[in-house]
């Protein structure tokens, strides 16, 4: 009898492992509840729990109290030791980056914080660029960038959904990027952001705020970017 239970447990384990490895079950996808699997496979709850415990130990799934069981998402590592574009980060991890360009406008109606960070006087304008950043088609981050209209005139003519802003800065405007100041804060997303990033209930966002200056000291951009707390980890190498 014990061998029969072991066979059923291994059969379920191998089936779910194969579906995850082959991409049939995608990262972040919610798995059926235990009661449904008991009926579907004709096994006991103990068999389901043994199979899922092994899958969780090996990093294939993640069980969340009151939420369910999900295919584990491999988090993107945003290294803070050097400035990289989103596209460079994703390609370094073997993922295909893309962006959904939600809006772009040139305006002088800017938040006081943005004016202060960019050192703008009254009437100076910035391009406000709103994008949904994706990797392999999955939403990863929601970004709002404020780019100096004086430093980057005609930005709207160069920006497409496949564009990298870093490419535009360096290869179109031939700018030399200097120092950036970054802050990170965990925040609770509103309903719209939760839906846009396809976040599970209770998952926070990691909000990055960054001000970039050129090597000659001129302010270039200020950006806020909300990263999915399920899909991102920020790391930095420190020395003493």
Protein backbone atom coordinates (compact mmCIF):
# COMPACT_ATOMS: atom_id res chain seq x y z
CA UNK A 1 0.00 0.00 0.00
CA UNK A 2 2.87 2.35 0.87
CA UNK A 3 4.43 1.76 -2.56
CA UNK A 4 1.14 2.67 -4.22
CA UNK A 5 1.00 5.98 -2.36
CA UNK A 6 4.63 6.69 -3.29
CA UNK A 7 3.84 6.03 -6.95
CA UNK A 8 0.88 8.45 -6.93
CA UNK A 9 2.91 11.14 -5.16
CA UNK A 10 5.79 10.83 -7.63
CA UNK A 11 3.42 10.77 -10.59
CA UNK A 12 1.82 14.05 -9.49
CA UNK A 13 5.21 15.60 -8.67
CA UNK A 14 6.67 14.66 -12.06
CA UNK A 15 3.61 15.88 -13.97
CA UNK A 16 3.62 19.33 -12.37
CA UNK A 17 7.43 19.61 -12.63
CA UNK A 18 7.27 18.83 -16.36
CA UNK A 19 4.48 21.36 -16.94
CA UNK A 20 6.47 24.08 -15.17
CA UNK A 21 9.75 23.23 -16.96
CA UNK A 22 8.04 23.20 -20.36
CA UNK A 23 6.19 26.48 -19.79
CA UNK A 24 2.70 24.96 -19.85
CA UNK A 25 2.35 26.41 -16.34
CA UNK A 26 3.74 29.95 -16.44
CA UNK A 27 5.48 31.84 -13.61
CA UNK A 28 2.92 33.36 -11.28
CA UNK A 29 0.10 31.09 -12.43
CA UNK A 30 -2.21 29.91 -9.67
CA UNK A 31 -2.52 26.12 -9.27
CA UNK A 32 -5.82 24.37 -8.51
CA UNK A 33 -6.76 24.05 -4.82
CA UNK A 34 -6.13 20.79 -2.98
CA UNK A 35 -9.77 19.72 -3.00
CA UNK A 36 -9.94 19.99 -6.81
CA UNK A 37 -6.71 18.00 -7.24
CA UNK A 38 -7.97 15.28 -4.91
CA UNK A 39 -10.99 14.81 -7.18
CA UNK A 40 -9.05 15.22 -10.45
CA UNK A 41 -6.34 12.66 -9.60
CA UNK A 42 -8.33 10.41 -7.29
CA UNK A 43 -5.73 10.71 -4.52
CA UNK A 44 -5.69 11.72 -0.87
CA UNK A 45 -4.89 15.21 0.45
CA UNK A 46 -1.69 13.78 1.94
CA UNK A 47 -0.52 12.73 -1.56
CA UNK A 48 -1.18 16.24 -2.95
CA UNK A 49 0.62 17.85 -0.03
CA UNK A 50 3.67 15.55 -0.37
CA UNK A 51 3.98 16.34 -4.08
CA UNK A 52 3.58 20.08 -3.52
CA UNK A 53 5.98 20.08 -0.56
CA UNK A 54 8.71 18.60 -2.74
CA UNK A 55 7.96 21.05 -5.57
CA UNK A 56 8.20 23.93 -3.10
CA UNK A 57 11.46 22.64 -1.60
CA UNK A 58 12.98 22.50 -5.08
CA UNK A 59 11.84 26.03 -5.91
CA UNK A 60 9.12 25.25 -8.46
CA UNK A 61 6.12 26.59 -6.56
CA UNK A 62 5.28 28.91 -3.68
CA UNK A 63 2.40 28.42 -1.27
CA UNK A 64 0.81 31.51 0.28
CA UNK A 65 -1.53 31.42 3.24
CA UNK A 66 -5.13 32.31 2.29
CA UNK A 67 -4.06 33.01 -1.30
CA UNK A 68 -3.22 29.62 -2.80
CA UNK A 69 -0.33 27.90 -4.54
CA UNK A 70 1.51 29.57 -7.41
CA UNK A 71 4.28 28.74 -9.86
CA UNK A 72 7.33 30.49 -8.46
CA UNK A 73 8.53 33.61 -10.26
CA UNK A 74 12.26 33.98 -10.69
CA UNK A 75 12.96 37.50 -9.54
CA UNK A 76 14.94 39.92 -11.66
CA UNK A 77 18.04 41.16 -9.86
CA UNK A 78 18.47 44.92 -10.23
CA UNK A 79 22.11 45.53 -9.37
CA UNK A 80 22.69 48.97 -7.87
CA UNK A 81 26.44 49.05 -8.42
CA UNK A 82 26.08 50.48 -11.95
CA UNK A 83 23.36 52.15 -14.00
CA UNK A 84 21.67 49.83 -16.47
CA UNK A 85 18.63 50.34 -18.63
CA UNK A 86 15.64 48.05 -18.20
CA UNK A 87 16.40 46.53 -21.62
CA UNK A 88 20.00 45.79 -20.61
CA UNK A 89 18.87 44.20 -17.34
CA UNK A 90 16.39 41.90 -19.06
CA UNK A 91 18.69 40.85 -21.91
CA UNK A 92 21.41 40.04 -19.38
CA UNK A 93 18.97 37.56 -17.84
CA UNK A 94 18.01 36.05 -21.19
CA UNK A 95 14.61 37.74 -21.35
CA UNK A 96 13.16 39.80 -24.20
CA UNK A 97 12.37 43.35 -23.06
CA UNK A 98 9.49 45.39 -24.43
CA UNK A 99 7.47 48.44 -23.46
CA UNK A 100 3.89 49.54 -23.83
CA UNK A 101 4.04 53.30 -24.41
CA UNK A 102 1.01 54.64 -22.55
CA UNK A 103 1.57 58.37 -23.09
CA UNK A 104 4.11 61.09 -23.88
CA UNK A 105 3.62 64.84 -23.59
CA UNK A 106 5.77 67.97 -23.35
CA UNK A 107 4.52 70.17 -20.53
CA UNK A 108 5.50 72.81 -17.99
CA UNK A 109 2.79 71.57 -15.59
CA UNK A 110 5.08 69.49 -13.41
CA UNK A 111 4.87 68.38 -9.76
CA UNK A 112 6.85 70.53 -7.34
CA UNK A 113 9.05 67.54 -6.45
CA UNK A 114 10.01 67.04 -10.10
CA UNK A 115 10.85 70.74 -10.53
CA UNK A 116 13.00 70.64 -7.43
CA UNK A 117 14.85 67.46 -8.45
CA UNK A 118 15.53 68.78 -11.95
CA UNK A 119 16.35 72.32 -10.77
CA UNK A 120 13.75 73.76 -13.15
CA UNK A 121 12.73 77.40 -13.06
CA UNK A 122 9.14 78.39 -13.73
CA UNK A 123 8.06 77.65 -17.32
CA UNK A 124 10.73 75.04 -18.13
CA UNK A 125 9.25 71.98 -19.79
CA UNK A 126 9.83 68.25 -19.59
CA UNK A 127 8.64 65.27 -21.56
CA UNK A 128 6.44 63.12 -19.35
CA UNK A 129 6.76 59.54 -20.62
CA UNK A 130 4.58 56.81 -19.15
CA UNK A 131 5.38 53.19 -19.97
CA UNK A 132 4.56 49.66 -18.86
CA UNK A 133 7.80 47.67 -18.93
CA UNK A 134 7.63 43.97 -19.83
CA UNK A 135 9.88 40.91 -20.06
CA UNK A 136 8.86 38.05 -22.34
CA UNK A 137 5.48 39.76 -22.56
CA UNK A 138 4.88 39.81 -18.78
CA UNK A 139 4.46 43.15 -16.97
CA UNK A 140 7.39 43.93 -14.70
CA UNK A 141 7.20 47.63 -13.87
CA UNK A 142 5.22 50.84 -14.35
CA UNK A 143 7.40 53.83 -15.16
CA UNK A 144 6.88 57.60 -15.34
CA UNK A 145 9.92 59.53 -16.62
CA UNK A 146 10.33 63.32 -16.70
CA UNK A 147 12.98 64.20 -19.30
CA UNK A 148 14.36 67.70 -19.82
CA UNK A 149 12.84 69.18 -22.96
CA UNK A 150 15.79 71.54 -23.31
CA UNK A 151 18.40 68.77 -23.21
CA UNK A 152 16.37 66.38 -25.41
CA UNK A 153 14.38 68.48 -27.90
CA UNK A 154 12.08 66.47 -30.17
CA UNK A 155 12.14 63.41 -27.90
CA UNK A 156 8.68 62.37 -29.14
CA UNK A 157 10.06 61.83 -32.66
CA UNK A 158 12.57 59.23 -31.44
CA UNK A 159 10.51 57.28 -28.94
CA UNK A 160 8.72 54.08 -29.94
CA UNK A 161 7.48 51.11 -27.93
CA UNK A 162 10.69 49.22 -28.66
CA UNK A 163 12.96 52.16 -27.76
CA UNK A 164 15.46 52.23 -24.92
CA UNK A 165 15.72 55.71 -23.41
CA UNK A 166 19.38 55.06 -22.63
CA UNK A 167 19.98 54.34 -26.32
CA UNK A 168 18.27 57.61 -27.24
CA UNK A 169 20.28 59.61 -24.69
CA UNK A 170 23.62 58.18 -25.72
CA UNK A 171 23.28 57.36 -29.42
CA UNK A 172 20.78 59.98 -30.64
CA UNK A 173 21.59 63.00 -28.45
CA UNK A 174 25.20 61.90 -27.77
CA UNK A 175 24.92 62.70 -24.07
CA UNK A 176 27.37 61.54 -21.42
CA UNK A 177 25.48 60.27 -18.39
CA UNK A 178 26.91 61.21 -15.02
CA UNK A 179 25.76 60.45 -11.50
CA UNK A 180 22.35 59.24 -10.38
CA UNK A 181 20.70 59.37 -6.97
CA UNK A 182 18.30 56.52 -6.23
CA UNK A 183 15.86 55.86 -3.40
CA UNK A 184 13.83 52.68 -2.85
CA UNK A 185 10.65 52.25 -0.87
CA UNK A 186 8.11 49.44 -0.49
CA UNK A 187 4.57 50.67 -1.09
CA UNK A 188 1.06 49.24 -1.30
CA UNK A 189 -0.24 49.48 -4.89
CA UNK A 190 -3.66 50.92 -5.68
CA UNK A 191 -6.23 48.82 -7.58
CA UNK A 192 -5.24 50.21 -11.00
CA UNK A 193 -1.52 49.54 -10.51
CA UNK A 194 -2.27 46.10 -9.06
CA UNK A 195 -4.27 45.22 -12.17
CA UNK A 196 -1.70 46.70 -14.56
CA UNK A 197 1.19 44.71 -13.03
CA UNK A 198 -0.99 41.60 -12.53
CA UNK A 199 -0.11 41.49 -8.84
CA UNK A 200 -1.58 38.99 -6.44
CA UNK A 201 -3.46 40.45 -3.43
CA UNK A 202 -1.16 41.71 -0.70
CA UNK A 203 1.94 41.95 -2.91
CA UNK A 204 3.75 45.31 -2.55
CA UNK A 205 5.58 47.28 -5.19
CA UNK A 206 9.18 48.45 -4.88
CA UNK A 207 9.10 52.11 -5.86
CA UNK A 208 12.37 53.44 -7.22
CA UNK A 209 12.91 57.18 -7.59
CA UNK A 210 15.95 58.29 -9.55
CA UNK A 211 17.43 61.65 -10.54
CA UNK A 212 20.08 61.53 -13.27
CA UNK A 213 22.58 64.28 -14.12
CA UNK A 214 24.93 64.52 -17.07
CA UNK A 215 28.69 64.60 -16.61
CA UNK A 216 28.60 68.36 -17.15
CA UNK A 217 26.20 68.69 -14.21
CA UNK A 218 22.98 69.41 -16.12
CA UNK A 219 19.89 67.54 -14.88
CA UNK A 220 18.61 65.05 -17.49
CA UNK A 221 15.67 63.18 -15.99
CA UNK A 222 13.68 62.24 -12.92
CA UNK A 223 11.88 58.91 -12.95
CA UNK A 224 9.58 56.95 -10.67
CA UNK A 225 9.26 53.24 -11.37
CA UNK A 226 7.02 50.78 -9.54
CA UNK A 227 8.51 47.28 -9.73
CA UNK A 228 6.52 44.16 -8.93
CA UNK A 229 7.55 42.91 -5.49
CA UNK A 230 7.00 39.35 -6.77
CA UNK A 231 9.38 39.73 -9.69
CA UNK A 232 12.19 42.00 -8.48
CA UNK A 233 14.96 42.03 -5.93
CA UNK A 234 17.46 44.89 -5.63
CA UNK A 235 21.04 44.11 -4.68
CA UNK A 236 24.29 45.99 -4.21
CA UNK A 237 27.91 44.91 -3.69
CA UNK A 238 29.59 46.71 -0.82
CA UNK A 239 33.22 46.85 0.26
CA UNK A 240 34.82 48.10 3.44
